[in-house]
Amino acid sequence: MKTPDSLPEMLRYKMYEKDLKQKQLASILGISEAFISGLLSGRRKLTMDLARKLHVQLGIDAEFLLMSE
């Protein structure tokens, strides 16, 4: 599998890696399932608060998150 190079790809990768559904990921991150759906489709943008949660909860590299649009 190639290294994810966008936030939606990274989220899908982490969901696969941890065997999570959108609903479970939303619960872990304390956000709505609709917001997760928006991130996966590229309609929603990453916030700094969510970037922190993704780093802490899923182990996504902080530099990757800062470089994501």
PDB file of N, CA and C in Angstrom:
ATOM      1  N   MET A   1       0.840  -1.175   0.000  1.00  0.00           N
ATOM      2  CA  MET A   1       0.000   0.000   0.000  1.00  0.00           C
ATOM      3  C   MET A   1       0.891   1.246   0.000  1.00  0.00           C
ATOM      4  N   LYS A   2       0.556   2.211  -0.862  1.00  0.00           N
ATOM      5  CA  LYS A   2       1.344   3.434  -0.926  1.00  0.00           C
ATOM      6  C   LYS A   2       1.051   4.322   0.281  1.00  0.00           C
ATOM      7  N   THR A   3       1.984   5.177   0.588  1.00  0.00           N
ATOM      8  CA  THR A   3       1.832   6.092   1.714  1.00  0.00           C
ATOM      9  C   THR A   3       0.753   7.124   1.388  1.00  0.00           C
ATOM     10  N   PRO A   4      -0.210   7.306   2.275  1.00  0.00           N
ATOM     11  CA  PRO A   4      -1.253   8.306   2.039  1.00  0.00           C
ATOM     12  C   PRO A   4      -0.646   9.701   1.896  1.00  0.00           C
ATOM     13  N   ASP A   5      -1.153  10.476   0.941  1.00  0.00           N
ATOM     14  CA  ASP A   5      -0.600  11.814   0.751  1.00  0.00           C
ATOM     15  C   ASP A   5      -1.647  12.919   0.870  1.00  0.00           C
ATOM     16  N   SER A   6      -2.828  12.564   1.358  1.00  0.00           N
ATOM     17  CA  SER A   6      -3.853  13.575   1.625  1.00  0.00           C
ATOM     18  C   SER A   6      -4.564  13.173   2.911  1.00  0.00           C
ATOM     19  N   LEU A   7      -5.248  14.137   3.510  1.00  0.00           N
ATOM     20  CA  LEU A   7      -5.959  13.843   4.757  1.00  0.00           C
ATOM     21  C   LEU A   7      -7.029  12.772   4.570  1.00  0.00           C
ATOM     22  N   PRO A   8      -7.869  12.856   3.528  1.00  0.00           N
ATOM     23  CA  PRO A   8      -8.863  11.793   3.350  1.00  0.00           C
ATOM     24  C   PRO A   8      -8.224  10.402   3.197  1.00  0.00           C
ATOM     25  N   GLU A   9      -7.118  10.328   2.446  1.00  0.00           N
ATOM     26  CA  GLU A   9      -6.431   9.034   2.290  1.00  0.00           C
ATOM     27  C   GLU A   9      -5.876   8.545   3.617  1.00  0.00           C
ATOM     28  N   MET A  10      -5.299   9.458   4.397  1.00  0.00           N
ATOM     29  CA  MET A  10      -4.736   9.081   5.699  1.00  0.00           C
ATOM     30  C   MET A  10      -5.828   8.606   6.650  1.00  0.00           C
ATOM     31  N   LEU A  11      -6.962   9.286   6.653  1.00  0.00           N
ATOM     32  CA  LEU A  11      -8.067   8.857   7.515  1.00  0.00           C
ATOM     33  C   LEU A  11      -8.564   7.478   7.119  1.00  0.00           C
ATOM     34  N   ARG A  12      -8.715   7.254   5.825  1.00  0.00           N
ATOM     35  CA  ARG A  12      -9.147   5.922   5.360  1.00  0.00           C
ATOM     36  C   ARG A  12      -8.131   4.851   5.747  1.00  0.00           C
ATOM     37  N   TYR A  13      -6.850   5.169   5.609  1.00  0.00           N
ATOM     38  CA  TYR A  13      -5.788   4.240   5.985  1.00  0.00           C
ATOM     39  C   TYR A  13      -5.859   3.898   7.473  1.00  0.00           C
ATOM     40  N   LYS A  14      -5.985   4.922   8.310  1.00  0.00           N
ATOM     41  CA  LYS A  14      -6.050   4.691   9.756  1.00  0.00           C
ATOM     42  C   LYS A  14      -7.321   3.935  10.142  1.00  0.00           C
ATOM     43  N   MET A  15      -8.429   4.226   9.469  1.00  0.00           N
ATOM     44  CA  MET A  15      -9.669   3.491   9.738  1.00  0.00           C
ATOM     45  C   MET A  15      -9.485   2.011   9.386  1.00  0.00           C
ATOM     46  N   TYR A  16      -8.827   1.746   8.254  1.00  0.00           N
ATOM     47  CA  TYR A  16      -8.559   0.360   7.853  1.00  0.00           C
ATOM     48  C   TYR A  16      -7.614  -0.305   8.853  1.00  0.00           C
ATOM     49  N   GLU A  17      -6.541   0.388   9.179  1.00  0.00           N
ATOM     50  CA  GLU A  17      -5.518  -0.138  10.088  1.00  0.00           C
ATOM     51  C   GLU A  17      -6.095  -0.500  11.459  1.00  0.00           C
ATOM     52  N   LYS A  18      -7.007   0.333  11.957  1.00  0.00           N
ATOM     53  CA  LYS A  18      -7.579   0.129  13.288  1.00  0.00           C
ATOM     54  C   LYS A  18      -8.964  -0.511  13.244  1.00  0.00           C
ATOM     55  N   ASP A  19      -9.400  -0.890  12.031  1.00  0.00           N
ATOM     56  CA  ASP A  19     -10.692  -1.538  11.819  1.00  0.00           C
ATOM     57  C   ASP A  19     -11.836  -0.711  12.419  1.00  0.00           C
ATOM     58  N   LEU A  20     -11.889   0.570  12.026  1.00  0.00           N
ATOM     59  CA  LEU A  20     -12.899   1.491  12.537  1.00  0.00           C
ATOM     60  C   LEU A  20     -13.906   1.868  11.453  1.00  0.00           C
ATOM     61  N   LYS A  21     -15.128   2.015  11.845  1.00  0.00           N
ATOM     62  CA  LYS A  21     -16.179   2.568  10.985  1.00  0.00           C
ATOM     63  C   LYS A  21     -16.231   4.075  11.241  1.00  0.00           C
ATOM     64  N   GLN A  22     -16.891   4.812  10.351  1.00  0.00           N
ATOM     65  CA  GLN A  22     -16.995   6.261  10.516  1.00  0.00           C
ATOM     66  C   GLN A  22     -17.598   6.627  11.867  1.00  0.00           C
ATOM     67  N   LYS A  23     -18.629   5.902  12.263  1.00  0.00           N
ATOM     68  CA  LYS A  23     -19.297   6.181  13.535  1.00  0.00           C
ATOM     69  C   LYS A  23     -18.336   6.007  14.714  1.00  0.00           C
ATOM     70  N   GLN A  24     -17.523   4.962  14.680  1.00  0.00           N
ATOM     71  CA  GLN A  24     -16.568   4.712  15.754  1.00  0.00           C
ATOM     72  C   GLN A  24     -15.491   5.798  15.790  1.00  0.00           C
ATOM     73  N   LEU A  25     -14.997   6.179  14.619  1.00  0.00           N
ATOM     74  CA  LEU A  25     -13.975   7.218  14.548  1.00  0.00           C
ATOM     75  C   LEU A  25     -14.525   8.541  15.070  1.00  0.00           C
ATOM     76  N   ALA A  26     -15.744   8.866  14.690  1.00  0.00           N
ATOM     77  CA  ALA A  26     -16.384  10.097  15.170  1.00  0.00           C
ATOM     78  C   ALA A  26     -16.463  10.099  16.695  1.00  0.00           C
ATOM     79  N   SER A  27     -16.833   8.971  17.262  1.00  0.00           N
ATOM     80  CA  SER A  27     -16.936   8.852  18.716  1.00  0.00           C
ATOM     81  C   SER A  27     -15.572   9.030  19.389  1.00  0.00           C
ATOM     82  N   ILE A  28     -14.557   8.411  18.854  1.00  0.00           N
ATOM     83  CA  ILE A  28     -13.200   8.520  19.397  1.00  0.00           C
ATOM     84  C   ILE A  28     -12.726   9.972  19.381  1.00  0.00           C
ATOM     85  N   LEU A  29     -13.050  10.679  18.298  1.00  0.00           N
ATOM     86  CA  LEU A  29     -12.573  12.052  18.124  1.00  0.00           C
ATOM     87  C   LEU A  29     -13.506  13.094  18.736  1.00  0.00           C
ATOM     88  N   GLY A  30     -14.703  12.669  19.150  1.00  0.00           N
ATOM     89  CA  GLY A  30     -15.656  13.593  19.752  1.00  0.00           C
ATOM     90  C   GLY A  30     -16.262  14.563  18.744  1.00  0.00           C
ATOM     91  N   ILE A  31     -16.454  14.085  17.511  1.00  0.00           N
ATOM     92  CA  ILE A  31     -17.074  14.902  16.463  1.00  0.00           C
ATOM     93  C   ILE A  31     -18.206  14.104  15.827  1.00  0.00           C
ATOM     94  N   SER A  32     -18.985  14.757  14.988  1.00  0.00           N
ATOM     95  CA  SER A  32     -20.125  14.076  14.379  1.00  0.00           C
ATOM     96  C   SER A  32     -19.694  13.179  13.225  1.00  0.00           C
ATOM     97  N   GLU A  33     -20.515  12.199  12.953  1.00  0.00           N
ATOM     98  CA  GLU A  33     -20.288  11.310  11.826  1.00  0.00           C
ATOM     99  C   GLU A  33     -20.344  12.100  10.514  1.00  0.00           C
ATOM    100  N   ALA A  34     -21.201  13.116  10.471  1.00  0.00           N
ATOM    101  CA  ALA A  34     -21.302  13.968   9.274  1.00  0.00           C
ATOM    102  C   ALA A  34     -19.994  14.723   9.033  1.00  0.00           C
ATOM    103  N   PHE A  35     -19.334  15.141  10.111  1.00  0.00           N
ATOM    104  CA  PHE A  35     -18.057  15.852   9.958  1.00  0.00           C
ATOM    105  C   PHE A  35     -16.999  14.896   9.411  1.00  0.00           C
ATOM    106  N   ILE A  36     -16.974  13.665   9.913  1.00  0.00           N
ATOM    107  CA  ILE A  36     -16.043  12.655   9.390  1.00  0.00           C
ATOM    108  C   ILE A  36     -16.297  12.443   7.909  1.00  0.00           C
ATOM    109  N   SER A  37     -17.548  12.310   7.546  1.00  0.00           N
ATOM    110  CA  SER A  37     -17.917  12.127   6.143  1.00  0.00           C
ATOM    111  C   SER A  37     -17.414  13.301   5.299  1.00  0.00           C
ATOM    112  N   GLY A  38     -17.557  14.511   5.822  1.00  0.00           N
ATOM    113  CA  GLY A  38     -17.080  15.697   5.120  1.00  0.00           C
ATOM    114  C   GLY A  38     -15.569  15.711   4.948  1.00  0.00           C
ATOM    115  N   LEU A  39     -14.848  15.258   5.974  1.00  0.00           N
ATOM    116  CA  LEU A  39     -13.388  15.173   5.872  1.00  0.00           C
ATOM    117  C   LEU A  39     -12.980  14.141   4.822  1.00  0.00           C
ATOM    118  N   LEU A  40     -13.654  12.993   4.831  1.00  0.00           N
ATOM    119  CA  LEU A  40     -13.320  11.928   3.886  1.00  0.00           C
ATOM    120  C   LEU A  40     -13.613  12.316   2.438  1.00  0.00           C
ATOM    121  N   SER A  41     -14.615  13.164   2.250  1.00  0.00           N
ATOM    122  CA  SER A  41     -14.969  13.591   0.897  1.00  0.00           C
ATOM    123  C   SER A  41     -14.220  14.850   0.473  1.00  0.00           C
ATOM    124  N   GLY A  42     -13.530  15.491   1.416  1.00  0.00           N
ATOM    125  CA  GLY A  42     -12.805  16.714   1.105  1.00  0.00           C
ATOM    126  C   GLY A  42     -13.645  17.972   1.211  1.00  0.00           C
ATOM    127  N   ARG A  43     -14.890  17.837   1.659  1.00  0.00           N
ATOM    128  CA  ARG A  43     -15.778  19.007   1.802  1.00  0.00           C
ATOM    129  C   ARG A  43     -15.483  19.802   3.071  1.00  0.00           C
ATOM    130  N   ARG A  44     -14.940  19.141   4.070  1.00  0.00           N
ATOM    131  CA  ARG A  44     -14.637  19.794   5.351  1.00  0.00           C
ATOM    132  C   ARG A  44     -13.134  19.985   5.482  1.00  0.00           C
ATOM    133  N   LYS A  45     -12.759  21.044   6.176  1.00  0.00           N
ATOM    134  CA  LYS A  45     -11.348  21.360   6.406  1.00  0.00           C
ATOM    135  C   LYS A  45     -10.948  20.978   7.826  1.00  0.00           C
ATOM    136  N   LEU A  46      -9.686  20.703   7.986  1.00  0.00           N
ATOM    137  CA  LEU A  46      -9.120  20.332   9.268  1.00  0.00           C
ATOM    138  C   LEU A  46      -8.990  21.559  10.167  1.00  0.00           C
ATOM    139  N   THR A  47      -9.391  21.423  11.421  1.00  0.00           N
ATOM    140  CA  THR A  47      -9.193  22.472  12.413  1.00  0.00           C
ATOM    141  C   THR A  47      -7.981  22.111  13.271  1.00  0.00           C
ATOM    142  N   MET A  48      -7.422  23.077  13.963  1.00  0.00           N
ATOM    143  CA  MET A  48      -6.268  22.793  14.829  1.00  0.00           C
ATOM    144  C   MET A  48      -6.658  21.839  15.960  1.00  0.00           C
ATOM    145  N   ASP A  49      -7.850  22.016  16.521  1.00  0.00           N
ATOM    146  CA  ASP A  49      -8.311  21.127  17.586  1.00  0.00           C
ATOM    147  C   ASP A  49      -8.419  19.692  17.083  1.00  0.00           C
ATOM    148  N   LEU A  50      -8.986  19.525  15.900  1.00  0.00           N
ATOM    149  CA  LEU A  50      -9.119  18.186  15.335  1.00  0.00           C
ATOM    150  C   LEU A  50      -7.745  17.615  14.973  1.00  0.00           C
ATOM    151  N   ALA A  51      -6.842  18.461  14.493  1.00  0.00           N
ATOM    152  CA  ALA A  51      -5.483  17.998  14.177  1.00  0.00           C
ATOM    153  C   ALA A  51      -4.821  17.418  15.421  1.00  0.00           C
ATOM    154  N   ARG A  52      -5.000  18.103  16.556  1.00  0.00           N
ATOM    155  CA  ARG A  52      -4.443  17.581  17.825  1.00  0.00           C
ATOM    156  C   ARG A  52      -5.031  16.215  18.163  1.00  0.00           C
ATOM    157  N   LYS A  53      -6.348  16.093  18.009  1.00  0.00           N
ATOM    158  CA  LYS A  53      -7.010  14.817  18.317  1.00  0.00           C
ATOM    159  C   LYS A  53      -6.533  13.704  17.387  1.00  0.00           C
ATOM    160  N   LEU A  54      -6.372  14.017  16.118  1.00  0.00           N
ATOM    161  CA  LEU A  54      -5.903  13.008  15.155  1.00  0.00           C
ATOM    162  C   LEU A  54      -4.483  12.567  15.494  1.00  0.00           C
ATOM    163  N   HIS A  55      -3.667  13.504  15.932  1.00  0.00           N
ATOM    164  CA  HIS A  55      -2.295  13.177  16.313  1.00  0.00           C
ATOM    165  C   HIS A  55      -2.266  12.288  17.559  1.00  0.00           C
ATOM    166  N   VAL A  56      -3.020  12.685  18.578  1.00  0.00           N
ATOM    167  CA  VAL A  56      -3.010  11.954  19.848  1.00  0.00           C
ATOM    168  C   VAL A  56      -3.742  10.612  19.733  1.00  0.00           C
ATOM    169  N   GLN A  57      -4.937  10.615  19.172  1.00  0.00           N
ATOM    170  CA  GLN A  57      -5.774   9.420  19.159  1.00  0.00           C
ATOM    171  C   GLN A  57      -5.379   8.405  18.081  1.00  0.00           C
ATOM    172  N   LEU A  58      -4.941   8.886  16.920  1.00  0.00           N
ATOM    173  CA  LEU A  58      -4.641   7.969  15.810  1.00  0.00           C
ATOM    174  C   LEU A  58      -3.156   7.883  15.482  1.00  0.00           C
ATOM    175  N   GLY A  59      -2.353   8.749  16.091  1.00  0.00           N
ATOM    176  CA  GLY A  59      -0.919   8.709  15.845  1.00  0.00           C
ATOM    177  C   GLY A  59      -0.512   9.254  14.485  1.00  0.00           C
ATOM    178  N   ILE A  60      -1.348  10.116  13.916  1.00  0.00           N
ATOM    179  CA  ILE A  60      -0.992  10.730  12.633  1.00  0.00           C
ATOM    180  C   ILE A  60       0.064  11.795  12.900  1.00  0.00           C
ATOM    181  N   ASP A  61       1.125  11.769  12.113  1.00  0.00           N
ATOM    182  CA  ASP A  61       2.246  12.675  12.272  1.00  0.00           C
ATOM    183  C   ASP A  61       1.787  14.140  12.239  1.00  0.00           C
ATOM    184  N   ALA A  62       2.239  14.920  13.215  1.00  0.00           N
ATOM    185  CA  ALA A  62       1.835  16.319  13.321  1.00  0.00           C
ATOM    186  C   ALA A  62       2.243  17.115  12.077  1.00  0.00           C
ATOM    187  N   GLU A  63       3.431  16.850  11.551  1.00  0.00           N
ATOM    188  CA  GLU A  63       3.888  17.564  10.358  1.00  0.00           C
ATOM    189  C   GLU A  63       2.967  17.270   9.158  1.00  0.00           C
ATOM    190  N   PHE A  64       2.553  16.009   9.023  1.00  0.00           N
ATOM    191  CA  PHE A  64       1.622  15.652   7.949  1.00  0.00           C
ATOM    192  C   PHE A  64       0.331  16.454   8.089  1.00  0.00           C
ATOM    193  N   LEU A  65      -0.184  16.540   9.310  1.00  0.00           N
ATOM    194  CA  LEU A  65      -1.432  17.258   9.551  1.00  0.00           C
ATOM    195  C   LEU A  65      -1.287  18.751   9.251  1.00  0.00           C
ATOM    196  N   LEU A  66      -0.166  19.326   9.615  1.00  0.00           N
ATOM    197  CA  LEU A  66       0.048  20.753   9.361  1.00  0.00           C
ATOM    198  C   LEU A  66       0.183  21.049   7.873  1.00  0.00           C
ATOM    199  N   MET A  67       0.676  20.088   7.119  1.00  0.00           N
ATOM    200  CA  MET A  67       0.851  20.277   5.681  1.00  0.00           C
ATOM    201  C   MET A  67      -0.438  19.968   4.909  1.00  0.00           C
ATOM    202  N   SER A  68      -1.410  19.338   5.558  1.00  0.00           N
ATOM    203  CA  SER A  68      -2.677  19.006   4.915  1.00  0.00           C
ATOM    204  C   SER A  68      -3.515  20.247   4.722  1.00  0.00           C
ATOM    205  N   GLU A  69      -4.242  20.270   3.644  1.00  0.00           N
ATOM    206  CA  GLU A  69      -5.138  21.408   3.407  1.00  0.00           C
ATOM    207  C   GLU A  69      -6.485  21.123   3.995  1.00  0.00           C
TER     208      GLU A  69
END
